[in-house]
């Protein structure tokens, strides 16, 4: 617990520096923040949207507004918590009139959680996502490519097979092998990864 508190203090201190630099209009500070958090925020956004491009667009819009309003925004706590809260709020606003919200609420109730999840927990989840991405990067290209086309670009098996000029059975086998690798490498977190990242 003590180590966790020390890490939080460290992150907040680092964030304070970049927040002040952002307010001064330091484009290098903005680029650093963007490069540091963009991928995590996009993956976090996938909790709400299945479409990768929708997630990328939403996160990019948040960074645009962050830059445009840099002189006026106030952040208490970590910058990552602030950005993830922005992603959550903007995502829910987008989904307000869609059935997806009902499904998401059902999921929360089924797992005895509040719909208004603690954003700090998602910071932990995003770290798991970084580990997941590292494991994917270690895979042979043909396996990683098929997996990402299916899971992140929402392409069906037959679509991938046609695009790569291989059989559907080949696609099924490759994805099955990837999942088996992740099950072994991410033991203890595999069920969570299936729900939120895959």
N, C-alpha and C. Protein backbone atom coordinates (compact mmCIF):
# COMPACT_ATOMS: atom_id res chain seq x y z
N UNK A 1 0.84 -1.20 0.00
CA UNK A 1 0.00 0.00 0.00
C UNK A 1 0.87 1.25 0.00
N UNK A 2 1.94 1.22 0.81
CA UNK A 2 2.84 2.38 0.89
C UNK A 2 3.48 2.66 -0.45
N UNK A 3 3.91 1.60 -1.16
CA UNK A 3 4.53 1.77 -2.47
C UNK A 3 3.55 2.37 -3.47
N UNK A 4 2.27 1.96 -3.38
CA UNK A 4 1.25 2.51 -4.28
C UNK A 4 1.09 4.00 -4.05
N UNK A 5 1.10 4.42 -2.78
CA UNK A 5 0.96 5.83 -2.47
C UNK A 5 2.15 6.62 -2.98
N UNK A 6 3.35 6.05 -2.86
CA UNK A 6 4.55 6.72 -3.36
C UNK A 6 4.47 6.89 -4.87
N UNK A 7 4.02 5.85 -5.57
CA UNK A 7 3.91 5.91 -7.02
C UNK A 7 2.90 6.97 -7.44
N UNK A 8 1.77 7.06 -6.70
CA UNK A 8 0.76 8.06 -7.03
C UNK A 8 1.32 9.46 -6.86
N UNK A 9 2.08 9.68 -5.79
CA UNK A 9 2.69 11.00 -5.56
C UNK A 9 3.65 11.33 -6.69
N UNK A 10 4.41 10.35 -7.13
CA UNK A 10 5.36 10.55 -8.21
C UNK A 10 4.66 10.96 -9.48
N UNK A 11 3.57 10.23 -9.82
CA UNK A 11 2.84 10.51 -11.05
C UNK A 11 2.20 11.88 -11.00
N UNK A 12 1.60 12.22 -9.85
CA UNK A 12 0.94 13.52 -9.72
C UNK A 12 1.94 14.64 -9.86
N UNK A 13 3.13 14.46 -9.25
CA UNK A 13 4.18 15.47 -9.34
C UNK A 13 4.62 15.67 -10.78
N UNK A 14 4.82 14.57 -11.51
CA UNK A 14 5.21 14.65 -12.91
C UNK A 14 4.11 15.31 -13.73
N UNK A 15 2.86 14.94 -13.44
CA UNK A 15 1.73 15.52 -14.16
C UNK A 15 1.65 17.02 -13.94
N UNK A 16 1.92 17.46 -12.72
CA UNK A 16 1.83 18.89 -12.41
C UNK A 16 2.77 19.69 -13.30
N UNK A 17 3.95 19.14 -13.54
CA UNK A 17 4.91 19.82 -14.40
C UNK A 17 4.36 19.97 -15.81
N UNK A 18 3.83 18.88 -16.38
CA UNK A 18 3.33 18.93 -17.75
C UNK A 18 2.06 19.76 -17.88
N UNK A 19 1.24 19.75 -16.83
CA UNK A 19 0.03 20.58 -16.85
C UNK A 19 0.42 22.05 -16.93
N UNK A 20 1.42 22.44 -16.13
CA UNK A 20 1.86 23.84 -16.16
C UNK A 20 2.47 24.19 -17.51
N UNK A 21 3.23 23.26 -18.08
CA UNK A 21 3.82 23.51 -19.40
C UNK A 21 2.75 23.61 -20.48
N UNK A 22 1.71 22.80 -20.36
CA UNK A 22 0.60 22.87 -21.30
C UNK A 22 -0.06 24.24 -21.25
N UNK A 23 -0.27 24.73 -20.05
CA UNK A 23 -0.92 26.04 -19.87
C UNK A 23 -0.08 27.16 -20.50
N UNK A 24 1.23 26.95 -20.54
CA UNK A 24 2.12 27.94 -21.14
C UNK A 24 2.16 27.84 -22.66
N UNK A 25 1.49 26.80 -23.19
CA UNK A 25 1.48 26.61 -24.64
C UNK A 25 2.67 25.84 -25.17
N UNK A 26 3.30 25.05 -24.32
CA UNK A 26 4.46 24.26 -24.71
C UNK A 26 4.01 23.07 -25.54
N UNK A 27 4.22 23.14 -26.86
CA UNK A 27 3.76 22.08 -27.76
C UNK A 27 4.49 20.77 -27.50
N UNK A 28 5.73 20.84 -27.04
CA UNK A 28 6.48 19.62 -26.74
C UNK A 28 5.85 18.87 -25.56
N UNK A 29 5.37 19.63 -24.59
CA UNK A 29 4.69 19.01 -23.45
C UNK A 29 3.41 18.34 -23.90
N UNK A 30 2.69 19.00 -24.80
CA UNK A 30 1.46 18.41 -25.33
C UNK A 30 1.76 17.12 -26.09
N UNK A 31 2.79 17.13 -26.92
CA UNK A 31 3.16 15.94 -27.68
C UNK A 31 3.56 14.80 -26.74
N UNK A 32 4.25 15.14 -25.66
CA UNK A 32 4.65 14.11 -24.70
C UNK A 32 3.43 13.47 -24.06
N UNK A 33 2.48 14.31 -23.61
CA UNK A 33 1.25 13.80 -22.98
C UNK A 33 0.45 12.95 -23.96
N UNK A 34 0.35 13.43 -25.20
CA UNK A 34 -0.38 12.69 -26.23
C UNK A 34 0.24 11.32 -26.45
N UNK A 35 1.54 11.28 -26.66
CA UNK A 35 2.23 10.02 -26.93
C UNK A 35 2.19 9.08 -25.73
N UNK A 36 2.17 9.64 -24.53
CA UNK A 36 2.19 8.82 -23.32
C UNK A 36 0.84 8.16 -23.07
N UNK A 37 -0.25 8.87 -23.33
CA UNK A 37 -1.56 8.39 -22.91
C UNK A 37 -2.50 7.98 -24.05
N UNK A 38 -2.18 8.35 -25.27
CA UNK A 38 -3.13 8.13 -26.38
C UNK A 38 -3.56 6.67 -26.51
N UNK A 39 -2.61 5.77 -26.58
CA UNK A 39 -2.96 4.36 -26.81
C UNK A 39 -3.79 3.80 -25.66
N UNK A 40 -3.44 4.12 -24.42
CA UNK A 40 -4.21 3.65 -23.27
C UNK A 40 -5.64 4.17 -23.32
N UNK A 41 -5.80 5.43 -23.71
CA UNK A 41 -7.13 6.02 -23.75
C UNK A 41 -7.99 5.39 -24.83
N UNK A 42 -7.37 5.07 -25.96
CA UNK A 42 -8.12 4.42 -27.04
C UNK A 42 -8.59 3.05 -26.59
N UNK A 43 -7.73 2.30 -25.92
CA UNK A 43 -8.12 0.98 -25.44
C UNK A 43 -9.20 1.10 -24.36
N UNK A 44 -9.08 2.09 -23.51
CA UNK A 44 -10.10 2.32 -22.49
C UNK A 44 -11.43 2.65 -23.15
N UNK A 45 -11.40 3.39 -24.22
CA UNK A 45 -12.61 3.78 -24.93
C UNK A 45 -13.32 2.57 -25.51
N UNK A 46 -12.58 1.49 -25.74
CA UNK A 46 -13.19 0.29 -26.32
C UNK A 46 -14.13 -0.40 -25.33
N UNK A 47 -14.11 0.02 -24.07
CA UNK A 47 -15.11 -0.46 -23.13
C UNK A 47 -16.50 -0.03 -23.60
N UNK A 48 -16.56 1.11 -24.28
CA UNK A 48 -17.83 1.70 -24.69
C UNK A 48 -18.15 1.47 -26.17
N UNK A 49 -17.11 1.40 -27.01
CA UNK A 49 -17.32 1.25 -28.45
C UNK A 49 -16.53 0.06 -28.97
N UNK A 50 -17.11 -0.65 -29.92
CA UNK A 50 -16.41 -1.77 -30.54
C UNK A 50 -15.52 -1.32 -31.70
N UNK A 51 -15.87 -0.19 -32.28
CA UNK A 51 -15.18 0.27 -33.47
C UNK A 51 -13.91 1.04 -33.09
N UNK A 52 -12.77 0.56 -33.57
CA UNK A 52 -11.49 1.17 -33.24
C UNK A 52 -11.41 2.62 -33.73
N UNK A 53 -11.91 2.88 -34.92
CA UNK A 53 -11.83 4.23 -35.46
C UNK A 53 -12.66 5.22 -34.66
N UNK A 54 -13.82 4.78 -34.17
CA UNK A 54 -14.65 5.64 -33.32
C UNK A 54 -13.89 6.02 -32.05
N UNK A 55 -13.20 5.06 -31.48
CA UNK A 55 -12.43 5.32 -30.27
C UNK A 55 -11.29 6.30 -30.54
N UNK A 56 -10.61 6.10 -31.66
CA UNK A 56 -9.50 7.00 -32.00
C UNK A 56 -10.00 8.41 -32.22
N UNK A 57 -11.13 8.55 -32.91
CA UNK A 57 -11.70 9.88 -33.18
C UNK A 57 -12.07 10.58 -31.87
N UNK A 58 -12.71 9.84 -30.97
CA UNK A 58 -13.15 10.44 -29.72
C UNK A 58 -11.96 10.90 -28.88
N UNK A 59 -10.94 10.06 -28.79
CA UNK A 59 -9.76 10.42 -27.99
C UNK A 59 -9.03 11.61 -28.62
N UNK A 60 -8.93 11.62 -29.93
CA UNK A 60 -8.28 12.74 -30.61
C UNK A 60 -9.03 14.04 -30.35
N UNK A 61 -10.35 13.98 -30.34
CA UNK A 61 -11.15 15.17 -30.05
C UNK A 61 -10.88 15.68 -28.63
N UNK A 62 -10.71 14.76 -27.71
CA UNK A 62 -10.42 15.16 -26.33
C UNK A 62 -9.08 15.88 -26.25
N UNK A 63 -8.09 15.38 -26.97
CA UNK A 63 -6.79 16.04 -26.96
C UNK A 63 -6.85 17.41 -27.65
N UNK A 64 -7.66 17.51 -28.69
CA UNK A 64 -7.83 18.81 -29.36
C UNK A 64 -8.42 19.82 -28.38
N UNK A 65 -9.46 19.40 -27.66
CA UNK A 65 -10.08 20.30 -26.68
C UNK A 65 -9.12 20.63 -25.54
N UNK A 66 -8.32 19.64 -25.15
CA UNK A 66 -7.33 19.86 -24.10
C UNK A 66 -6.37 20.98 -24.51
N UNK A 67 -5.92 20.94 -25.76
CA UNK A 67 -5.00 21.97 -26.25
C UNK A 67 -5.70 23.31 -26.40
N UNK A 68 -6.89 23.31 -26.94
CA UNK A 68 -7.61 24.56 -27.18
C UNK A 68 -7.97 25.27 -25.88
N UNK A 69 -8.23 24.48 -24.83
CA UNK A 69 -8.64 25.06 -23.54
C UNK A 69 -7.53 24.98 -22.50
N UNK A 70 -6.30 24.84 -22.95
CA UNK A 70 -5.18 24.59 -22.04
C UNK A 70 -4.98 25.68 -20.99
N UNK A 71 -5.34 26.90 -21.31
CA UNK A 71 -5.11 28.01 -20.37
C UNK A 71 -6.13 28.04 -19.24
N UNK A 72 -7.21 27.29 -19.39
CA UNK A 72 -8.31 27.43 -18.44
C UNK A 72 -8.63 26.17 -17.66
N UNK A 73 -8.18 24.99 -18.12
CA UNK A 73 -8.61 23.78 -17.44
C UNK A 73 -7.89 23.61 -16.10
N UNK A 74 -8.61 23.00 -15.16
CA UNK A 74 -8.08 22.73 -13.83
C UNK A 74 -8.12 21.22 -13.60
N UNK A 75 -7.01 20.68 -13.13
CA UNK A 75 -6.92 19.24 -12.90
C UNK A 75 -6.50 18.97 -11.46
N UNK A 76 -7.30 18.19 -10.76
CA UNK A 76 -6.96 17.76 -9.42
C UNK A 76 -6.65 16.26 -9.48
N UNK A 77 -5.49 15.89 -8.99
CA UNK A 77 -5.11 14.49 -9.10
C UNK A 77 -4.26 14.27 -10.33
N UNK A 78 -4.30 13.06 -10.84
CA UNK A 78 -3.43 12.72 -11.97
C UNK A 78 -4.04 13.13 -13.30
N UNK A 79 -3.17 13.44 -14.23
CA UNK A 79 -3.61 13.83 -15.57
C UNK A 79 -4.29 12.65 -16.26
N UNK A 80 -3.80 11.45 -16.00
CA UNK A 80 -4.39 10.28 -16.63
C UNK A 80 -5.82 10.06 -16.16
N UNK A 81 -6.07 10.26 -14.87
CA UNK A 81 -7.43 10.13 -14.35
C UNK A 81 -8.35 11.16 -15.01
N UNK A 82 -7.83 12.35 -15.17
CA UNK A 82 -8.61 13.43 -15.81
C UNK A 82 -8.97 13.05 -17.24
N UNK A 83 -7.99 12.55 -17.99
CA UNK A 83 -8.24 12.19 -19.39
C UNK A 83 -9.17 10.99 -19.50
N UNK A 84 -9.02 10.02 -18.61
CA UNK A 84 -9.88 8.85 -18.67
C UNK A 84 -11.32 9.21 -18.29
N UNK A 85 -11.47 10.13 -17.35
CA UNK A 85 -12.80 10.60 -17.01
C UNK A 85 -13.43 11.30 -18.20
N UNK A 86 -12.62 12.07 -18.93
CA UNK A 86 -13.12 12.75 -20.13
C UNK A 86 -13.56 11.74 -21.17
N UNK A 87 -12.79 10.68 -21.33
CA UNK A 87 -13.15 9.63 -22.28
C UNK A 87 -14.47 8.99 -21.87
N UNK A 88 -14.59 8.66 -20.60
CA UNK A 88 -15.82 8.03 -20.10
C UNK A 88 -17.03 8.93 -20.32
N UNK A 89 -16.91 10.19 -19.92
CA UNK A 89 -18.04 11.11 -20.03
C UNK A 89 -18.44 11.35 -21.48
N UNK A 90 -17.46 11.53 -22.35
CA UNK A 90 -17.77 11.76 -23.76
C UNK A 90 -18.35 10.51 -24.42
N UNK A 91 -17.85 9.36 -24.00
CA UNK A 91 -18.37 8.10 -24.55
C UNK A 91 -19.83 7.91 -24.16
N UNK A 92 -20.13 8.14 -22.90
CA UNK A 92 -21.50 7.97 -22.42
C UNK A 92 -22.44 8.97 -23.08
N UNK A 93 -21.95 10.14 -23.33
CA UNK A 93 -22.77 11.14 -24.02
C UNK A 93 -23.10 10.67 -25.44
N UNK A 94 -22.09 10.08 -26.10
CA UNK A 94 -22.31 9.56 -27.45
C UNK A 94 -23.31 8.42 -27.45
N UNK A 95 -23.31 7.65 -26.38
CA UNK A 95 -24.14 6.45 -26.33
C UNK A 95 -25.50 6.68 -25.66
N UNK A 96 -25.76 7.91 -25.29
CA UNK A 96 -26.93 8.20 -24.46
C UNK A 96 -28.22 7.62 -25.02
N UNK A 97 -28.38 7.66 -26.32
CA UNK A 97 -29.64 7.23 -26.93
C UNK A 97 -29.52 5.88 -27.64
N UNK A 98 -28.50 5.12 -27.27
CA UNK A 98 -28.31 3.83 -27.92
C UNK A 98 -28.50 2.70 -26.91
N UNK A 99 -28.77 1.52 -27.44
CA UNK A 99 -29.00 0.36 -26.57
C UNK A 99 -27.74 -0.11 -25.87
N UNK A 100 -26.58 0.35 -26.35
CA UNK A 100 -25.33 -0.12 -25.76
C UNK A 100 -25.27 0.22 -24.28
N UNK A 101 -25.80 1.35 -23.91
CA UNK A 101 -25.77 1.75 -22.51
C UNK A 101 -26.51 0.73 -21.66
N UNK A 102 -27.65 0.26 -22.15
CA UNK A 102 -28.42 -0.72 -21.39
C UNK A 102 -27.61 -2.00 -21.19
N UNK A 103 -26.93 -2.42 -22.25
CA UNK A 103 -26.11 -3.62 -22.14
C UNK A 103 -24.97 -3.41 -21.14
N UNK A 104 -24.38 -2.23 -21.18
CA UNK A 104 -23.26 -1.94 -20.28
C UNK A 104 -23.72 -1.90 -18.83
N UNK A 105 -24.89 -1.35 -18.60
CA UNK A 105 -25.45 -1.32 -17.26
C UNK A 105 -25.74 -2.74 -16.77
N UNK A 106 -26.28 -3.57 -17.66
CA UNK A 106 -26.56 -4.96 -17.31
C UNK A 106 -25.28 -5.67 -16.89
N UNK A 107 -24.20 -5.37 -17.62
CA UNK A 107 -22.92 -6.00 -17.29
C UNK A 107 -22.46 -5.56 -15.89
N UNK A 108 -22.60 -4.29 -15.60
CA UNK A 108 -22.19 -3.76 -14.30
C UNK A 108 -22.99 -4.40 -13.17
N UNK A 109 -24.31 -4.50 -13.37
CA UNK A 109 -25.18 -5.09 -12.35
C UNK A 109 -24.83 -6.56 -12.13
N UNK A 110 -24.56 -7.26 -13.23
CA UNK A 110 -24.24 -8.69 -13.14
C UNK A 110 -22.96 -8.93 -12.35
N UNK A 111 -22.06 -7.91 -12.37
CA UNK A 111 -20.79 -8.06 -11.66
C UNK A 111 -20.77 -7.27 -10.35
N UNK A 112 -21.97 -6.88 -9.89
CA UNK A 112 -22.11 -6.19 -8.60
C UNK A 112 -21.27 -4.92 -8.54
N UNK A 113 -21.20 -4.21 -9.67
CA UNK A 113 -20.45 -2.96 -9.71
C UNK A 113 -21.37 -1.80 -10.01
N UNK A 114 -20.99 -0.62 -9.57
CA UNK A 114 -21.71 0.59 -9.94
C UNK A 114 -21.43 0.90 -11.39
N UNK A 115 -22.43 1.52 -12.07
CA UNK A 115 -22.21 1.93 -13.46
C UNK A 115 -21.14 3.01 -13.54
N UNK A 116 -21.04 3.80 -12.48
CA UNK A 116 -20.04 4.85 -12.45
C UNK A 116 -18.75 4.27 -11.87
N UNK A 117 -18.00 3.56 -12.71
CA UNK A 117 -16.79 2.88 -12.26
C UNK A 117 -15.74 3.86 -11.74
N UNK A 118 -14.94 3.38 -10.82
CA UNK A 118 -13.83 4.16 -10.29
C UNK A 118 -12.76 4.26 -11.37
N UNK A 119 -12.48 5.47 -11.82
CA UNK A 119 -11.52 5.65 -12.91
C UNK A 119 -10.13 5.16 -12.50
N UNK A 120 -9.80 5.27 -11.23
CA UNK A 120 -8.49 4.81 -10.80
C UNK A 120 -8.28 3.34 -11.12
N UNK A 121 -9.36 2.56 -11.05
CA UNK A 121 -9.25 1.14 -11.39
C UNK A 121 -8.85 0.95 -12.85
N UNK A 122 -9.35 1.82 -13.71
CA UNK A 122 -9.02 1.70 -15.11
C UNK A 122 -7.57 2.04 -15.40
N UNK A 123 -6.95 2.80 -14.51
CA UNK A 123 -5.53 3.06 -14.67
C UNK A 123 -4.77 1.74 -14.53
N UNK A 124 -5.19 0.95 -13.56
CA UNK A 124 -4.60 -0.39 -13.42
C UNK A 124 -4.86 -1.20 -14.67
N UNK A 125 -6.09 -1.15 -15.19
CA UNK A 125 -6.44 -1.94 -16.35
C UNK A 125 -5.62 -1.53 -17.57
N UNK A 126 -5.35 -0.24 -17.69
CA UNK A 126 -4.58 0.21 -18.84
C UNK A 126 -3.15 -0.30 -18.77
N UNK A 127 -2.63 -0.46 -17.54
CA UNK A 127 -1.30 -1.04 -17.40
C UNK A 127 -1.31 -2.50 -17.87
N UNK A 128 -2.41 -3.20 -17.57
CA UNK A 128 -2.54 -4.56 -18.06
C UNK A 128 -2.58 -4.58 -19.58
N UNK A 129 -3.23 -3.57 -20.15
CA UNK A 129 -3.29 -3.48 -21.59
C UNK A 129 -1.91 -3.32 -22.20
N UNK A 130 -1.05 -2.56 -21.54
CA UNK A 130 0.32 -2.41 -22.03
C UNK A 130 1.02 -3.76 -22.05
N UNK A 131 0.80 -4.55 -21.01
CA UNK A 131 1.39 -5.89 -20.97
C UNK A 131 0.82 -6.75 -22.08
N UNK A 132 -0.50 -6.63 -22.30
CA UNK A 132 -1.13 -7.37 -23.38
C UNK A 132 -0.51 -7.02 -24.73
N UNK A 133 -0.31 -5.73 -24.97
CA UNK A 133 0.26 -5.30 -26.24
C UNK A 133 1.69 -5.82 -26.42
N UNK A 134 2.43 -5.86 -25.32
CA UNK A 134 3.79 -6.39 -25.40
C UNK A 134 3.78 -7.86 -25.81
N UNK A 135 2.82 -8.62 -25.25
CA UNK A 135 2.72 -10.04 -25.61
C UNK A 135 2.32 -10.21 -27.07
N UNK A 136 1.42 -9.36 -27.54
CA UNK A 136 1.01 -9.42 -28.95
C UNK A 136 2.19 -9.11 -29.87
N UNK A 137 3.00 -8.14 -29.46
CA UNK A 137 4.14 -7.75 -30.30
C UNK A 137 5.16 -8.87 -30.44
N UNK A 138 5.16 -9.81 -29.50
CA UNK A 138 6.11 -10.93 -29.55
C UNK A 138 5.66 -12.02 -30.51
N UNK A 139 4.41 -11.99 -30.91
CA UNK A 139 3.86 -13.05 -31.75
C UNK A 139 4.36 -12.93 -33.19
N UNK A 140 4.37 -14.05 -33.93
CA UNK A 140 4.68 -13.98 -35.36
C UNK A 140 3.70 -13.05 -36.06
N UNK A 141 4.17 -12.37 -37.09
CA UNK A 141 3.36 -11.37 -37.76
C UNK A 141 2.03 -11.92 -38.25
N UNK A 142 2.04 -13.12 -38.82
CA UNK A 142 0.80 -13.67 -39.39
C UNK A 142 -0.26 -13.94 -38.31
N UNK A 143 0.18 -14.28 -37.10
CA UNK A 143 -0.75 -14.50 -36.01
C UNK A 143 -1.26 -13.17 -35.45
N UNK A 144 -0.34 -12.25 -35.20
CA UNK A 144 -0.72 -10.95 -34.65
C UNK A 144 -1.64 -10.19 -35.59
N UNK A 145 -1.32 -10.23 -36.87
CA UNK A 145 -2.11 -9.50 -37.88
C UNK A 145 -3.55 -9.98 -37.90
N UNK A 146 -3.75 -11.29 -37.92
CA UNK A 146 -5.09 -11.86 -37.96
C UNK A 146 -5.86 -11.50 -36.69
N UNK A 147 -5.19 -11.62 -35.57
CA UNK A 147 -5.83 -11.32 -34.28
C UNK A 147 -6.28 -9.86 -34.21
N UNK A 148 -5.42 -8.95 -34.62
CA UNK A 148 -5.76 -7.53 -34.54
C UNK A 148 -6.85 -7.16 -35.55
N UNK A 149 -6.85 -7.79 -36.71
CA UNK A 149 -7.91 -7.51 -37.69
C UNK A 149 -9.27 -7.92 -37.15
N UNK A 150 -9.28 -9.05 -36.44
CA UNK A 150 -10.56 -9.55 -35.92
C UNK A 150 -11.00 -8.81 -34.67
N UNK A 151 -10.10 -8.67 -33.72
CA UNK A 151 -10.47 -8.14 -32.41
C UNK A 151 -10.53 -6.62 -32.38
N UNK A 152 -9.64 -5.96 -33.10
CA UNK A 152 -9.57 -4.51 -33.01
C UNK A 152 -10.23 -3.79 -34.18
N UNK A 153 -10.34 -4.47 -35.31
CA UNK A 153 -10.97 -3.86 -36.48
C UNK A 153 -12.34 -4.48 -36.77
N UNK A 154 -12.72 -5.43 -35.91
CA UNK A 154 -14.06 -6.04 -35.99
C UNK A 154 -14.36 -6.72 -37.32
N UNK A 155 -13.34 -7.29 -37.92
CA UNK A 155 -13.55 -8.01 -39.17
C UNK A 155 -13.90 -9.46 -38.88
N UNK A 156 -14.82 -10.00 -39.67
CA UNK A 156 -15.25 -11.38 -39.50
C UNK A 156 -14.21 -12.32 -40.10
N UNK A 157 -14.28 -13.58 -39.67
CA UNK A 157 -13.29 -14.56 -40.13
C UNK A 157 -13.24 -14.63 -41.66
N UNK A 158 -14.41 -14.68 -42.29
CA UNK A 158 -14.41 -14.84 -43.75
C UNK A 158 -13.86 -13.59 -44.44
N UNK A 159 -14.04 -12.43 -43.83
CA UNK A 159 -13.50 -11.20 -44.40
C UNK A 159 -11.97 -11.20 -44.35
N UNK A 160 -11.44 -11.65 -43.22
CA UNK A 160 -9.98 -11.73 -43.07
C UNK A 160 -9.41 -12.76 -44.03
N UNK A 161 -10.10 -13.90 -44.12
CA UNK A 161 -9.65 -14.97 -45.01
C UNK A 161 -9.58 -14.49 -46.46
N UNK A 162 -10.60 -13.77 -46.89
CA UNK A 162 -10.61 -13.25 -48.26
C UNK A 162 -9.51 -12.24 -48.48
N UNK A 163 -9.30 -11.37 -47.49
CA UNK A 163 -8.29 -10.32 -47.61
C UNK A 163 -6.87 -10.89 -47.66
N UNK A 164 -6.63 -11.96 -46.88
CA UNK A 164 -5.30 -12.55 -46.81
C UNK A 164 -5.14 -13.75 -47.75
N UNK A 165 -6.24 -14.10 -48.41
CA UNK A 165 -6.22 -15.21 -49.37
C UNK A 165 -5.82 -16.54 -48.70
N UNK A 166 -6.45 -16.79 -47.55
CA UNK A 166 -6.25 -18.06 -46.85
C UNK A 166 -7.63 -18.60 -46.48
N UNK A 167 -7.66 -19.81 -45.94
CA UNK A 167 -8.94 -20.40 -45.58
C UNK A 167 -9.46 -19.85 -44.24
N UNK A 168 -10.75 -19.96 -44.05
CA UNK A 168 -11.36 -19.55 -42.78
C UNK A 168 -10.81 -20.40 -41.65
N UNK A 169 -10.58 -21.67 -41.94
CA UNK A 169 -10.03 -22.57 -40.93
C UNK A 169 -8.66 -22.09 -40.46
N UNK A 170 -7.87 -21.56 -41.36
CA UNK A 170 -6.55 -21.02 -41.01
C UNK A 170 -6.69 -19.84 -40.06
N UNK A 171 -7.65 -18.99 -40.35
CA UNK A 171 -7.90 -17.83 -39.49
C UNK A 171 -8.31 -18.28 -38.09
N UNK A 172 -9.21 -19.25 -38.03
CA UNK A 172 -9.66 -19.77 -36.74
C UNK A 172 -8.49 -20.34 -35.94
N UNK A 173 -7.63 -21.09 -36.60
CA UNK A 173 -6.48 -21.70 -35.93
C UNK A 173 -5.52 -20.66 -35.39
N UNK A 174 -5.27 -19.61 -36.19
CA UNK A 174 -4.32 -18.58 -35.76
C UNK A 174 -4.84 -17.82 -34.55
N UNK A 175 -6.12 -17.47 -34.57
CA UNK A 175 -6.69 -16.74 -33.45
C UNK A 175 -6.73 -17.62 -32.20
N UNK A 176 -7.03 -18.88 -32.40
CA UNK A 176 -7.05 -19.82 -31.27
C UNK A 176 -5.67 -19.92 -30.63
N UNK A 177 -4.62 -19.95 -31.46
CA UNK A 177 -3.26 -20.02 -30.94
C UNK A 177 -2.89 -18.76 -30.16
N UNK A 178 -3.32 -17.61 -30.67
CA UNK A 178 -3.04 -16.34 -29.97
C UNK A 178 -3.70 -16.35 -28.60
N UNK A 179 -4.96 -16.75 -28.54
CA UNK A 179 -5.68 -16.79 -27.27
C UNK A 179 -5.03 -17.75 -26.28
N UNK A 180 -4.51 -18.85 -26.80
CA UNK A 180 -3.85 -19.82 -25.93
C UNK A 180 -2.56 -19.23 -25.35
N UNK A 181 -1.82 -18.49 -26.18
CA UNK A 181 -0.60 -17.83 -25.70
C UNK A 181 -0.94 -16.81 -24.62
N UNK A 182 -1.96 -16.01 -24.87
CA UNK A 182 -2.36 -14.98 -23.90
C UNK A 182 -2.84 -15.60 -22.60
N UNK A 183 -3.53 -16.73 -22.73
CA UNK A 183 -4.02 -17.41 -21.52
C UNK A 183 -2.85 -17.81 -20.62
N UNK A 184 -1.75 -18.24 -21.22
CA UNK A 184 -0.59 -18.66 -20.45
C UNK A 184 0.21 -17.48 -19.92
N UNK A 185 0.40 -16.47 -20.78
CA UNK A 185 1.22 -15.33 -20.42
C UNK A 185 0.52 -14.37 -19.45
N UNK A 186 -0.79 -14.28 -19.56
CA UNK A 186 -1.55 -13.33 -18.75
C UNK A 186 -2.40 -14.05 -17.71
N UNK A 187 -1.88 -15.14 -17.19
CA UNK A 187 -2.62 -15.94 -16.21
C UNK A 187 -3.03 -15.08 -15.02
N UNK A 188 -4.29 -15.20 -14.64
CA UNK A 188 -4.81 -14.41 -13.54
C UNK A 188 -5.59 -13.20 -13.99
N UNK A 189 -5.30 -12.75 -15.23
CA UNK A 189 -5.99 -11.56 -15.77
C UNK A 189 -6.70 -11.87 -17.08
N UNK A 190 -6.67 -13.12 -17.50
CA UNK A 190 -7.17 -13.48 -18.82
C UNK A 190 -8.66 -13.18 -18.96
N UNK A 191 -9.46 -13.51 -17.94
CA UNK A 191 -10.91 -13.26 -18.02
C UNK A 191 -11.20 -11.78 -18.15
N UNK A 192 -10.48 -10.98 -17.41
CA UNK A 192 -10.68 -9.53 -17.51
C UNK A 192 -10.32 -9.03 -18.90
N UNK A 193 -9.21 -9.51 -19.43
CA UNK A 193 -8.77 -9.08 -20.75
C UNK A 193 -9.80 -9.45 -21.80
N UNK A 194 -10.39 -10.63 -21.67
CA UNK A 194 -11.42 -11.05 -22.62
C UNK A 194 -12.60 -10.07 -22.60
N UNK A 195 -12.95 -9.58 -21.43
CA UNK A 195 -14.12 -8.70 -21.30
C UNK A 195 -13.86 -7.31 -21.84
N UNK A 196 -12.67 -6.79 -21.61
CA UNK A 196 -12.46 -5.37 -21.86
C UNK A 196 -11.50 -5.05 -23.00
N UNK A 197 -10.58 -5.96 -23.32
CA UNK A 197 -9.59 -5.62 -24.33
C UNK A 197 -9.69 -6.49 -25.58
N UNK A 198 -10.40 -7.60 -25.51
CA UNK A 198 -10.40 -8.52 -26.65
C UNK A 198 -11.81 -8.61 -27.24
